[in-house]
Amino acid sequence: MEPRISLITLGVTDLARARRFYEALGWRGQEVEETVFFQAGGLGLVLWGREKLARDSGHAEAGPATGFGGIVLAHNVRSREEVDALLDQAEQAGGRVTKPAAASPHGFYSGAFADPDGHPWEVAHNPGFPLAEDGTLTLPDFDTL
């Protein structure tokens, strides 16, 4: 298997609300057959009804839309100021800041928010994970650090 993620699909309880939230963050989506697709750099972020996603992935039911599901999406930015601004933007768009931004002992600065369906996002500035002009992140060679 090639190491690649092509799409991330989020199960949402209200597709219109979820689309409005992500569009308020500056994303531009296309809706096709009750599914919203966003281009996110080299991959796609998809919003789809939570019950439909559960059935499609072989689960009998979607379960509660609250609580931690064992996955966190991350959005790296180029500065600490961008971390703060994005957390504010997410809150203004209807998200909930779950961890205020703070510096870590490892040299990065991050905070977190949850979208209206509770999907957690980390927002981080990590000088050791430089971003290309197009936003592509390349992990460093940790053996040389």
C-alpha atoms as a PDB file:
ATOM      1  CA  MET A   1       0.000   0.000   0.000  1.00  0.00           C
ATOM      2  CA  GLU A   2       1.325   3.421  -0.907  1.00  0.00           C
ATOM      3  CA  PRO A   3       1.401   5.790   2.086  1.00  0.00           C
ATOM      4  CA  ARG A   4      -1.354   8.204   1.092  1.00  0.00           C
ATOM      5  CA  ILE A   5      -4.665   9.575   2.326  1.00  0.00           C
ATOM      6  CA  SER A   6      -6.914  10.649  -0.537  1.00  0.00           C
ATOM      7  CA  LEU A   7     -10.177  11.634   1.187  1.00  0.00           C
ATOM      8  CA  ILE A   8     -11.309  12.291   4.730  1.00  0.00           C
ATOM      9  CA  THR A   9     -15.066  11.926   5.159  1.00  0.00           C
ATOM     10  CA  LEU A  10     -16.792  13.460   8.161  1.00  0.00           C
ATOM     11  CA  GLY A  11     -20.195  12.135   9.175  1.00  0.00           C
ATOM     12  CA  VAL A  12     -22.427  15.120   9.931  1.00  0.00           C
ATOM     13  CA  THR A  13     -25.883  15.443  11.470  1.00  0.00           C
ATOM     14  CA  ASP A  14     -26.925  18.486   9.412  1.00  0.00           C
ATOM     15  CA  LEU A  15     -25.270  18.765   5.993  1.00  0.00           C
ATOM     16  CA  ALA A  16     -26.347  22.369   5.352  1.00  0.00           C
ATOM     17  CA  ARG A  17     -25.072  23.533   8.765  1.00  0.00           C
ATOM     18  CA  ALA A  18     -21.775  21.693   8.303  1.00  0.00           C
ATOM     19  CA  ARG A  19     -21.285  23.192   4.841  1.00  0.00           C
ATOM     20  CA  ARG A  20     -22.020  26.708   6.151  1.00  0.00           C
ATOM     21  CA  PHE A  21     -19.450  26.202   8.933  1.00  0.00           C
ATOM     22  CA  TYR A  22     -16.635  25.140   6.608  1.00  0.00           C
ATOM     23  CA  GLU A  23     -17.514  27.826   4.081  1.00  0.00           C
ATOM     24  CA  ALA A  24     -17.376  30.403   6.896  1.00  0.00           C
ATOM     25  CA  LEU A  25     -13.778  29.238   7.421  1.00  0.00           C
ATOM     26  CA  GLY A  26     -13.046  30.018   3.770  1.00  0.00           C
ATOM     27  CA  TRP A  27     -13.463  26.564   2.204  1.00  0.00           C
ATOM     28  CA  ARG A  28     -15.406  26.276  -1.052  1.00  0.00           C
ATOM     29  CA  GLY A  29     -17.467  23.135  -1.547  1.00  0.00           C
ATOM     30  CA  GLN A  30     -19.447  21.429  -4.246  1.00  0.00           C
ATOM     31  CA  GLU A  31     -22.570  19.475  -3.383  1.00  0.00           C
ATOM     32  CA  VAL A  32     -23.362  16.301  -5.306  1.00  0.00           C
ATOM     33  CA  GLU A  33     -26.183  13.965  -4.238  1.00  0.00           C
ATOM     34  CA  GLU A  34     -26.350  15.174  -0.607  1.00  0.00           C
ATOM     35  CA  THR A  35     -22.560  15.035  -0.244  1.00  0.00           C
ATOM     36  CA  VAL A  36     -20.280  18.084  -0.066  1.00  0.00           C
ATOM     37  CA  PHE A  37     -16.739  17.889  -1.446  1.00  0.00           C
ATOM     38  CA  PHE A  38     -13.944  20.345  -0.583  1.00  0.00           C
ATOM     39  CA  GLN A  39     -10.493  20.388  -2.162  1.00  0.00           C
ATOM     40  CA  ALA A  40      -7.980  20.481   0.685  1.00  0.00           C
ATOM     41  CA  GLY A  41      -4.516  20.741  -0.797  1.00  0.00           C
ATOM     42  CA  GLY A  42      -3.714  17.348  -2.243  1.00  0.00           C
ATOM     43  CA  LEU A  43      -6.684  15.572  -0.674  1.00  0.00           C
ATOM     44  CA  GLY A  44     -10.423  15.916  -0.379  1.00  0.00           C
ATOM     45  CA  LEU A  45     -12.548  16.624   2.673  1.00  0.00           C
ATOM     46  CA  VAL A  46     -16.052  15.220   2.329  1.00  0.00           C
ATOM     47  CA  LEU A  47     -19.171  15.958   4.395  1.00  0.00           C
ATOM     48  CA  TRP A  48     -21.811  13.245   4.331  1.00  0.00           C
ATOM     49  CA  GLY A  49     -24.797  12.351   6.500  1.00  0.00           C
ATOM     50  CA  ARG A  50     -23.619  10.556   9.646  1.00  0.00           C
ATOM     51  CA  GLU A  51     -26.133   7.690   9.320  1.00  0.00           C
ATOM     52  CA  LYS A  52     -25.308   7.179   5.619  1.00  0.00           C
ATOM     53  CA  LEU A  53     -21.579   7.145   6.359  1.00  0.00           C
ATOM     54  CA  ALA A  54     -22.053   4.612   9.157  1.00  0.00           C
ATOM     55  CA  ARG A  55     -24.052   2.260   6.903  1.00  0.00           C
ATOM     56  CA  ASP A  56     -21.632   2.717   3.994  1.00  0.00           C
ATOM     57  CA  SER A  57     -18.673   1.785   6.202  1.00  0.00           C
ATOM     58  CA  GLY A  58     -20.398  -1.346   7.511  1.00  0.00           C
ATOM     59  CA  HIS A  59     -21.715  -0.071  10.842  1.00  0.00           C
ATOM     60  CA  ALA A  60     -25.336  -0.705  11.769  1.00  0.00           C
ATOM     61  CA  GLU A  61     -25.751   2.733  13.335  1.00  0.00           C
ATOM     62  CA  ALA A  62     -23.870   5.977  13.681  1.00  0.00           C
ATOM     63  CA  GLY A  63     -23.955   6.253  17.465  1.00  0.00           C
ATOM     64  CA  PRO A  64     -23.909   9.548  19.329  1.00  0.00           C
ATOM     65  CA  ALA A  65     -22.586  12.636  17.565  1.00  0.00           C
ATOM     66  CA  THR A  66     -20.751  13.787  20.670  1.00  0.00           C
ATOM     67  CA  GLY A  67     -17.611  12.627  22.421  1.00  0.00           C
ATOM     68  CA  PHE A  68     -14.124  11.807  21.208  1.00  0.00           C
ATOM     69  CA  GLY A  69     -13.993   9.370  18.307  1.00  0.00           C
ATOM     70  CA  GLY A  70     -10.257   8.643  18.380  1.00  0.00           C
ATOM     71  CA  ILE A  71      -9.178  10.892  15.497  1.00  0.00           C
ATOM     72  CA  VAL A  72      -8.089  14.535  15.305  1.00  0.00           C
ATOM     73  CA  LEU A  73      -7.661  16.451  12.065  1.00  0.00           C
ATOM     74  CA  ALA A  74      -4.790  18.931  11.994  1.00  0.00           C
ATOM     75  CA  HIS A  75      -4.269  22.197  10.165  1.00  0.00           C
ATOM     76  CA  ASN A  76      -0.756  23.613  10.320  1.00  0.00           C
ATOM     77  CA  VAL A  77      -0.178  27.317   9.726  1.00  0.00           C
ATOM     78  CA  ARG A  78       2.859  29.552   9.258  1.00  0.00           C
ATOM     79  CA  SER A  79       2.691  31.634  12.465  1.00  0.00           C
ATOM     80  CA  ARG A  80       1.366  31.795  16.005  1.00  0.00           C
ATOM     81  CA  GLU A  81      -0.861  34.679  14.964  1.00  0.00           C
ATOM     82  CA  GLU A  82      -2.518  32.453  12.369  1.00  0.00           C
ATOM     83  CA  VAL A  83      -3.275  29.872  15.086  1.00  0.00           C
ATOM     84  CA  ASP A  84      -5.046  32.505  17.184  1.00  0.00           C
ATOM     85  CA  ALA A  85      -6.896  33.958  14.179  1.00  0.00           C
ATOM     86  CA  LEU A  86      -8.132  30.559  12.988  1.00  0.00           C
ATOM     87  CA  LEU A  87      -9.381  29.575  16.456  1.00  0.00           C
ATOM     88  CA  ASP A  88     -11.304  32.875  16.598  1.00  0.00           C
ATOM     89  CA  GLN A  89     -12.677  32.320  13.094  1.00  0.00           C
ATOM     90  CA  ALA A  90     -13.832  28.790  13.960  1.00  0.00           C
ATOM     91  CA  GLU A  91     -15.614  30.070  17.075  1.00  0.00           C
ATOM     92  CA  GLN A  92     -17.302  32.891  15.137  1.00  0.00           C
ATOM     93  CA  ALA A  93     -18.459  30.353  12.523  1.00  0.00           C
ATOM     94  CA  GLY A  94     -20.201  28.198  15.155  1.00  0.00           C
ATOM     95  CA  GLY A  95     -17.408  25.899  16.299  1.00  0.00           C
ATOM     96  CA  ARG A  96     -16.229  25.462  19.873  1.00  0.00           C
ATOM     97  CA  VAL A  97     -12.660  26.091  21.043  1.00  0.00           C
ATOM     98  CA  THR A  98     -11.749  22.967  23.007  1.00  0.00           C
ATOM     99  CA  LYS A  99      -8.157  23.921  23.823  1.00  0.00           C
ATOM    100  CA  PRO A 100      -6.982  27.532  23.864  1.00  0.00           C
ATOM    101  CA  ALA A 101      -3.732  28.134  22.008  1.00  0.00           C
ATOM    102  CA  ALA A 102      -0.563  27.682  24.047  1.00  0.00           C
ATOM    103  CA  ALA A 103       3.140  27.059  23.545  1.00  0.00           C
ATOM    104  CA  SER A 104       4.435  23.553  24.098  1.00  0.00           C
ATOM    105  CA  PRO A 105       7.783  22.544  25.589  1.00  0.00           C
ATOM    106  CA  HIS A 106       8.629  21.098  22.148  1.00  0.00           C
ATOM    107  CA  GLY A 107       8.646  24.474  20.377  1.00  0.00           C
ATOM    108  CA  PHE A 108       5.259  24.496  18.700  1.00  0.00           C
ATOM    109  CA  TYR A 109       2.155  26.554  19.404  1.00  0.00           C
ATOM    110  CA  SER A 110      -1.287  25.038  19.068  1.00  0.00           C
ATOM    111  CA  GLY A 111      -4.904  25.035  20.076  1.00  0.00           C
ATOM    112  CA  ALA A 112      -7.978  23.063  19.074  1.00  0.00           C
ATOM    113  CA  PHE A 113     -11.596  23.477  18.087  1.00  0.00           C
ATOM    114  CA  ALA A 114     -14.548  21.220  17.362  1.00  0.00           C
ATOM    115  CA  ASP A 115     -16.811  21.782  14.377  1.00  0.00           C
ATOM    116  CA  PRO A 116     -20.599  21.828  14.956  1.00  0.00           C
ATOM    117  CA  ASP A 117     -20.694  17.998  14.781  1.00  0.00           C
ATOM    118  CA  GLY A 118     -17.889  17.641  17.322  1.00  0.00           C
ATOM    119  CA  HIS A 119     -15.093  16.718  14.868  1.00  0.00           C
ATOM    120  CA  PRO A 120     -11.873  17.903  16.527  1.00  0.00           C
ATOM    121  CA  TRP A 121      -9.284  19.992  14.694  1.00  0.00           C
ATOM    122  CA  GLU A 122      -5.849  20.936  15.983  1.00  0.00           C
ATOM    123  CA  VAL A 123      -4.446  24.219  14.674  1.00  0.00           C
ATOM    124  CA  ALA A 124      -0.675  24.387  15.016  1.00  0.00           C
ATOM    125  CA  HIS A 125       2.399  26.391  14.169  1.00  0.00           C
ATOM    126  CA  ASN A 126       5.440  24.132  14.300  1.00  0.00           C
ATOM    127  CA  PRO A 127       8.681  25.661  13.002  1.00  0.00           C
ATOM    128  CA  GLY A 128      10.065  22.124  12.603  1.00  0.00           C
ATOM    129  CA  PHE A 129       7.306  21.223  10.124  1.00  0.00           C
ATOM    130  CA  PRO A 130       7.766  23.849   7.399  1.00  0.00           C
ATOM    131  CA  LEU A 131       4.998  24.435   4.890  1.00  0.00           C
ATOM    132  CA  ALA A 132       5.676  24.825   1.178  1.00  0.00           C
ATOM    133  CA  GLU A 133       4.175  27.803  -0.609  1.00  0.00           C
ATOM    134  CA  ASP A 134       1.170  25.652  -1.592  1.00  0.00           C
ATOM    135  CA  GLY A 135       0.625  24.559   2.029  1.00  0.00           C
ATOM    136  CA  THR A 136       2.110  21.087   1.616  1.00  0.00           C
ATOM    137  CA  LEU A 137       3.670  19.784   4.818  1.00  0.00           C
ATOM    138  CA  THR A 138       6.769  17.605   4.647  1.00  0.00           C
ATOM    139  CA  LEU A 139       7.754  15.856   7.823  1.00  0.00           C
ATOM    140  CA  PRO A 140      11.387  16.342   8.819  1.00  0.00           C
ATOM    141  CA  ASP A 141      13.880  13.514   9.109  1.00  0.00           C
ATOM    142  CA  PHE A 142      13.547  12.985  12.859  1.00  0.00           C
ATOM    143  CA  ASP A 143      16.877  11.134  13.014  1.00  0.00           C
ATOM    144  CA  THR A 144      18.721  14.331  12.092  1.00  0.00           C
ATOM    145  CA  LEU A 145      16.954  16.593  14.592  1.00  0.00           C
END
